[in-house]
Amino acid sequence: MLYPSYSQPTSVEASASDITVCNGDEIQLFVLASGGTEPYEYSWSSNPVGFTSTDQNPFVSPTENTTYTVTVTDAMNGSLSDDVEVSVQDLSPSLLQQEFQLTLWNLFGTIFKSIS
């Protein structure tokens, strides 16, 4: 008697179009799966919670550092997961102003040193 062979995806790789973004920037998440039995189903979630998607390659706009986890399930109900971390930089107006002031200070310091 032959018994069916059940397998799961053998490889799942999550990635993002950019892993360091400014607050609210839109990026795209990607998943590449292989092995198991197609077609695949995709289930994305986030930590901190608040994002879910069943798209293969969804778009997100994180406002804080976030880990996105994707679980790929194949036609035989085998599954495998991977995650990708996205860091959010705070480039608020006050921070940008501080960086601008520091740049001006360094520029003027260089000019004054060259005159003296």
N, C-alpha and C. Protein backbone atom coordinates (compact mmCIF):
# COMPACT_ATOMS: atom_id res chain seq x y z
N MET A 1 0.83 -1.16 0.00
CA MET A 1 0.00 0.00 0.00
C MET A 1 0.89 1.24 0.00
N LEU A 2 0.54 2.22 -0.79
CA LEU A 2 1.27 3.48 -0.85
C LEU A 2 0.62 4.51 0.06
N TYR A 3 1.44 5.18 0.80
CA TYR A 3 0.94 6.25 1.65
C TYR A 3 1.43 7.58 1.09
N PRO A 4 0.56 8.59 1.16
CA PRO A 4 0.99 9.89 0.62
C PRO A 4 2.15 10.46 1.45
N SER A 5 3.01 11.15 0.77
CA SER A 5 4.15 11.79 1.42
C SER A 5 3.78 13.26 1.68
N TYR A 6 3.85 13.67 2.94
CA TYR A 6 3.54 15.04 3.29
C TYR A 6 4.84 15.79 3.54
N SER A 7 4.94 16.93 2.96
CA SER A 7 6.12 17.76 3.19
C SER A 7 5.67 19.18 3.45
N GLN A 8 6.57 19.96 3.91
CA GLN A 8 6.31 21.38 4.14
C GLN A 8 7.28 22.17 3.30
N PRO A 9 7.05 23.47 3.16
CA PRO A 9 8.06 24.28 2.47
C PRO A 9 9.42 24.06 3.12
N THR A 10 10.44 23.90 2.31
CA THR A 10 11.78 23.65 2.85
C THR A 10 12.57 24.92 3.07
N SER A 11 12.11 26.01 2.47
CA SER A 11 12.81 27.27 2.63
C SER A 11 11.81 28.42 2.56
N VAL A 12 11.90 29.31 3.53
CA VAL A 12 11.09 30.53 3.55
C VAL A 12 12.03 31.66 3.94
N GLU A 13 12.10 32.69 3.09
CA GLU A 13 12.97 33.82 3.37
C GLU A 13 12.18 35.12 3.28
N ALA A 14 12.06 35.81 4.41
CA ALA A 14 11.38 37.10 4.48
C ALA A 14 12.41 38.21 4.31
N SER A 15 12.02 39.27 3.60
CA SER A 15 12.90 40.43 3.43
C SER A 15 12.03 41.67 3.25
N ALA A 16 12.69 42.82 3.18
CA ALA A 16 11.98 44.09 2.99
C ALA A 16 12.75 44.94 2.00
N SER A 17 12.02 45.83 1.31
CA SER A 17 12.67 46.70 0.33
C SER A 17 13.68 47.62 1.00
N ASP A 18 13.51 47.88 2.30
CA ASP A 18 14.45 48.67 3.09
C ASP A 18 14.27 48.26 4.54
N ILE A 19 15.34 48.07 5.28
CA ILE A 19 15.20 47.65 6.68
C ILE A 19 15.41 48.78 7.67
N THR A 20 15.78 49.96 7.17
CA THR A 20 15.87 51.16 8.00
C THR A 20 15.10 52.26 7.29
N VAL A 21 14.05 52.77 7.94
CA VAL A 21 13.17 53.74 7.30
C VAL A 21 12.89 54.91 8.24
N CYS A 22 12.34 55.96 7.67
CA CYS A 22 11.84 57.07 8.47
C CYS A 22 10.41 56.76 8.89
N ASN A 23 10.00 57.33 9.99
CA ASN A 23 8.67 57.12 10.53
C ASN A 23 7.60 57.31 9.47
N GLY A 24 6.82 56.26 9.20
CA GLY A 24 5.70 56.35 8.26
C GLY A 24 6.04 56.09 6.81
N ASP A 25 7.33 55.92 6.47
CA ASP A 25 7.68 55.60 5.08
C ASP A 25 7.07 54.27 4.67
N GLU A 26 6.63 54.19 3.42
CA GLU A 26 6.07 52.94 2.91
C GLU A 26 7.17 52.07 2.33
N ILE A 27 7.18 50.81 2.73
CA ILE A 27 8.11 49.83 2.19
C ILE A 27 7.32 48.58 1.82
N GLN A 28 7.97 47.69 1.09
CA GLN A 28 7.32 46.45 0.72
C GLN A 28 8.03 45.28 1.37
N LEU A 29 7.24 44.36 1.89
CA LEU A 29 7.76 43.12 2.45
C LEU A 29 7.73 42.05 1.36
N PHE A 30 8.70 41.15 1.40
CA PHE A 30 8.78 40.09 0.40
C PHE A 30 8.95 38.75 1.09
N VAL A 31 8.46 37.70 0.46
CA VAL A 31 8.74 36.35 0.93
C VAL A 31 9.03 35.47 -0.28
N LEU A 32 10.04 34.66 -0.13
CA LEU A 32 10.42 33.70 -1.16
C LEU A 32 10.35 32.32 -0.52
N ALA A 33 9.49 31.45 -1.05
CA ALA A 33 9.31 30.12 -0.49
C ALA A 33 9.63 29.07 -1.55
N SER A 34 10.11 27.93 -1.09
CA SER A 34 10.35 26.81 -2.00
C SER A 34 10.13 25.51 -1.25
N GLY A 35 9.97 24.44 -2.02
CA GLY A 35 9.72 23.12 -1.43
C GLY A 35 8.26 22.94 -1.10
N GLY A 36 7.93 21.80 -0.56
CA GLY A 36 6.54 21.52 -0.23
C GLY A 36 5.70 21.39 -1.49
N THR A 37 4.41 21.60 -1.35
CA THR A 37 3.47 21.45 -2.46
C THR A 37 2.75 22.77 -2.70
N GLU A 38 2.94 23.34 -3.87
CA GLU A 38 2.22 24.58 -4.20
C GLU A 38 0.76 24.25 -4.47
N PRO A 39 -0.14 25.23 -4.36
CA PRO A 39 0.10 26.65 -4.10
C PRO A 39 0.33 26.92 -2.62
N TYR A 40 0.95 28.07 -2.36
CA TYR A 40 1.23 28.49 -1.00
C TYR A 40 0.19 29.51 -0.55
N GLU A 41 -0.04 29.55 0.76
CA GLU A 41 -0.82 30.62 1.39
C GLU A 41 0.14 31.37 2.31
N TYR A 42 -0.08 32.68 2.42
CA TYR A 42 0.82 33.54 3.18
C TYR A 42 0.05 34.20 4.31
N SER A 43 0.68 34.28 5.47
CA SER A 43 0.07 34.95 6.61
C SER A 43 1.14 35.80 7.31
N TRP A 44 1.00 37.13 7.18
CA TRP A 44 1.93 38.07 7.80
C TRP A 44 1.33 38.60 9.10
N SER A 45 2.19 38.84 10.08
CA SER A 45 1.80 39.50 11.32
C SER A 45 2.96 40.37 11.78
N SER A 46 2.74 41.15 12.81
CA SER A 46 3.80 42.05 13.27
C SER A 46 3.92 42.04 14.78
N ASN A 47 5.10 42.44 15.24
CA ASN A 47 5.35 42.68 16.65
C ASN A 47 6.10 43.99 16.75
N PRO A 48 5.49 45.05 17.29
CA PRO A 48 4.22 45.07 17.99
C PRO A 48 3.05 44.75 17.06
N VAL A 49 1.99 44.23 17.69
CA VAL A 49 0.82 43.80 16.93
C VAL A 49 0.14 44.98 16.25
N GLY A 50 -0.64 44.68 15.24
CA GLY A 50 -1.38 45.72 14.54
C GLY A 50 -1.41 45.53 13.04
N PHE A 51 -0.53 44.69 12.51
CA PHE A 51 -0.50 44.46 11.07
C PHE A 51 -0.72 42.98 10.79
N THR A 52 -1.62 42.70 9.85
CA THR A 52 -1.80 41.35 9.32
C THR A 52 -2.08 41.47 7.83
N SER A 53 -1.68 40.46 7.09
CA SER A 53 -1.94 40.43 5.65
C SER A 53 -1.83 38.99 5.15
N THR A 54 -2.59 38.70 4.10
CA THR A 54 -2.46 37.40 3.43
C THR A 54 -1.86 37.59 2.03
N ASP A 55 -1.41 38.81 1.73
CA ASP A 55 -0.72 39.06 0.46
C ASP A 55 0.67 38.44 0.51
N GLN A 56 1.18 38.03 -0.64
CA GLN A 56 2.53 37.48 -0.66
C GLN A 56 3.55 38.56 -0.33
N ASN A 57 3.40 39.75 -0.92
CA ASN A 57 4.37 40.83 -0.76
C ASN A 57 3.65 42.14 -0.41
N PRO A 58 3.20 42.28 0.83
CA PRO A 58 2.41 43.46 1.20
C PRO A 58 3.26 44.71 1.40
N PHE A 59 2.58 45.86 1.41
CA PHE A 59 3.20 47.14 1.73
C PHE A 59 2.88 47.49 3.17
N VAL A 60 3.85 48.12 3.86
CA VAL A 60 3.66 48.55 5.24
C VAL A 60 4.24 49.95 5.42
N SER A 61 3.77 50.64 6.45
CA SER A 61 4.28 51.96 6.81
C SER A 61 4.53 51.99 8.32
N PRO A 62 5.63 51.41 8.77
CA PRO A 62 5.86 51.32 10.22
C PRO A 62 6.12 52.68 10.85
N THR A 63 5.66 52.82 12.10
CA THR A 63 5.90 54.04 12.86
C THR A 63 6.82 53.79 14.06
N GLU A 64 7.22 52.54 14.24
CA GLU A 64 8.17 52.17 15.28
C GLU A 64 8.89 50.91 14.83
N ASN A 65 9.99 50.59 15.50
CA ASN A 65 10.73 49.38 15.15
C ASN A 65 9.77 48.19 15.20
N THR A 66 9.76 47.39 14.13
CA THR A 66 8.77 46.33 14.00
C THR A 66 9.41 45.08 13.43
N THR A 67 9.02 43.94 13.96
CA THR A 67 9.39 42.65 13.40
C THR A 67 8.17 42.10 12.68
N TYR A 68 8.34 41.81 11.39
CA TYR A 68 7.27 41.23 10.58
C TYR A 68 7.56 39.75 10.40
N THR A 69 6.57 38.92 10.71
CA THR A 69 6.70 37.47 10.59
C THR A 69 5.74 36.97 9.54
N VAL A 70 6.25 36.10 8.66
CA VAL A 70 5.40 35.50 7.64
C VAL A 70 5.42 33.98 7.83
N THR A 71 4.25 33.38 7.78
CA THR A 71 4.12 31.93 7.79
C THR A 71 3.60 31.51 6.43
N VAL A 72 4.32 30.61 5.80
CA VAL A 72 3.94 30.09 4.48
C VAL A 72 3.40 28.68 4.70
N THR A 73 2.18 28.45 4.23
CA THR A 73 1.54 27.15 4.35
C THR A 73 1.33 26.60 2.95
N ASP A 74 1.73 25.34 2.74
CA ASP A 74 1.58 24.77 1.40
C ASP A 74 0.26 24.01 1.28
N ALA A 75 0.02 23.45 0.10
CA ALA A 75 -1.25 22.78 -0.20
C ALA A 75 -1.49 21.55 0.67
N MET A 76 -0.44 21.00 1.27
CA MET A 76 -0.57 19.82 2.13
C MET A 76 -0.62 20.21 3.61
N ASN A 77 -0.78 21.51 3.87
CA ASN A 77 -0.90 22.08 5.21
C ASN A 77 0.41 22.06 6.01
N GLY A 78 1.53 21.92 5.32
CA GLY A 78 2.82 22.07 5.97
C GLY A 78 3.17 23.55 6.02
N SER A 79 3.84 23.99 7.07
CA SER A 79 4.14 25.42 7.17
C SER A 79 5.54 25.66 7.71
N LEU A 80 6.03 26.83 7.39
CA LEU A 80 7.36 27.28 7.82
C LEU A 80 7.30 28.80 7.91
N SER A 81 8.03 29.38 8.87
CA SER A 81 7.99 30.84 9.10
C SER A 81 9.37 31.46 9.06
N ASP A 82 9.38 32.76 8.81
CA ASP A 82 10.59 33.57 8.90
C ASP A 82 10.17 34.98 9.25
N ASP A 83 11.13 35.80 9.67
CA ASP A 83 10.79 37.19 9.99
C ASP A 83 11.85 38.14 9.49
N VAL A 84 11.46 39.40 9.44
CA VAL A 84 12.36 40.47 9.04
C VAL A 84 12.11 41.65 9.99
N GLU A 85 13.20 42.26 10.45
CA GLU A 85 13.11 43.40 11.36
C GLU A 85 13.29 44.70 10.58
N VAL A 86 12.43 45.66 10.86
CA VAL A 86 12.52 46.98 10.23
C VAL A 86 12.72 48.01 11.33
N SER A 87 13.79 48.80 11.21
CA SER A 87 14.09 49.84 12.19
C SER A 87 13.56 51.17 11.68
N VAL A 88 12.93 51.92 12.58
CA VAL A 88 12.37 53.22 12.23
C VAL A 88 13.21 54.30 12.90
N GLN A 89 13.69 55.24 12.08
CA GLN A 89 14.47 56.37 12.60
C GLN A 89 13.53 57.53 12.85
N ASP A 90 13.73 58.20 13.96
CA ASP A 90 12.93 59.37 14.29
C ASP A 90 13.60 60.60 13.69
N LEU A 91 13.06 61.07 12.61
CA LEU A 91 13.58 62.30 12.00
C LEU A 91 12.53 63.40 12.14
N SER A 92 12.16 63.64 13.40
CA SER A 92 11.19 64.68 13.69
C SER A 92 11.79 66.04 13.37
N PRO A 93 10.95 67.06 13.18
CA PRO A 93 11.47 68.40 12.87
C PRO A 93 12.50 68.89 13.88
N SER A 94 12.29 68.62 15.16
CA SER A 94 13.25 69.11 16.16
C SER A 94 14.60 68.42 16.00
N LEU A 95 14.59 67.13 15.68
CA LEU A 95 15.85 66.42 15.47
C LEU A 95 16.55 66.92 14.21
N LEU A 96 15.78 67.16 13.16
CA LEU A 96 16.36 67.70 11.93
C LEU A 96 16.96 69.08 12.18
N GLN A 97 16.27 69.89 12.98
CA GLN A 97 16.76 71.23 13.29
C GLN A 97 18.08 71.13 14.07
N GLN A 98 18.16 70.21 15.02
CA GLN A 98 19.39 70.03 15.78
C GLN A 98 20.54 69.61 14.87
N GLU A 99 20.26 68.70 13.94
CA GLU A 99 21.30 68.26 13.01
C GLU A 99 21.75 69.41 12.11
N PHE A 100 20.80 70.25 11.67
CA PHE A 100 21.12 71.39 10.83
C PHE A 100 21.98 72.39 11.61
N GLN A 101 21.61 72.65 12.86
CA GLN A 101 22.38 73.58 13.68
C GLN A 101 23.79 73.06 13.92
N LEU A 102 23.93 71.78 14.16
CA LEU A 102 25.24 71.18 14.35
C LEU A 102 26.08 71.30 13.08
N THR A 103 25.46 71.08 11.93
CA THR A 103 26.17 71.21 10.65
C THR A 103 26.64 72.65 10.45
N LEU A 104 25.76 73.63 10.73
CA LEU A 104 26.16 75.04 10.62
C LEU A 104 27.30 75.37 11.58
N TRP A 105 27.21 74.89 12.82
CA TRP A 105 28.24 75.14 13.81
C TRP A 105 29.59 74.61 13.32
N ASN A 106 29.58 73.38 12.78
CA ASN A 106 30.82 72.80 12.26
C ASN A 106 31.34 73.59 11.06
N LEU A 107 30.46 74.05 10.20
CA LEU A 107 30.85 74.83 9.03
C LEU A 107 31.48 76.15 9.45
N PHE A 108 30.81 76.88 10.36
CA PHE A 108 31.36 78.15 10.82
C PHE A 108 32.68 77.95 11.56
N GLY A 109 32.77 76.88 12.34
CA GLY A 109 34.01 76.59 13.05
C GLY A 109 35.16 76.40 12.09
N THR A 110 34.90 75.68 10.99
CA THR A 110 35.92 75.44 9.97
C THR A 110 36.32 76.75 9.30
N ILE A 111 35.35 77.60 8.99
CA ILE A 111 35.63 78.89 8.34
C ILE A 111 36.48 79.78 9.25
N PHE A 112 36.07 79.87 10.54
CA PHE A 112 36.81 80.72 11.48
C PHE A 112 38.23 80.21 11.70
N LYS A 113 38.42 78.91 11.73
CA LYS A 113 39.76 78.37 11.91
C LYS A 113 40.65 78.70 10.71
N SER A 114 40.06 78.71 9.52
CA SER A 114 40.87 78.98 8.32
C SER A 114 41.22 80.46 8.21
N ILE A 115 40.42 81.36 8.83
CA ILE A 115 40.71 82.80 8.76
C ILE A 115 41.78 83.16 9.77
N SER A 116 41.79 82.49 10.91
CA SER A 116 42.73 82.89 11.97
C SER A 116 44.13 82.40 11.76
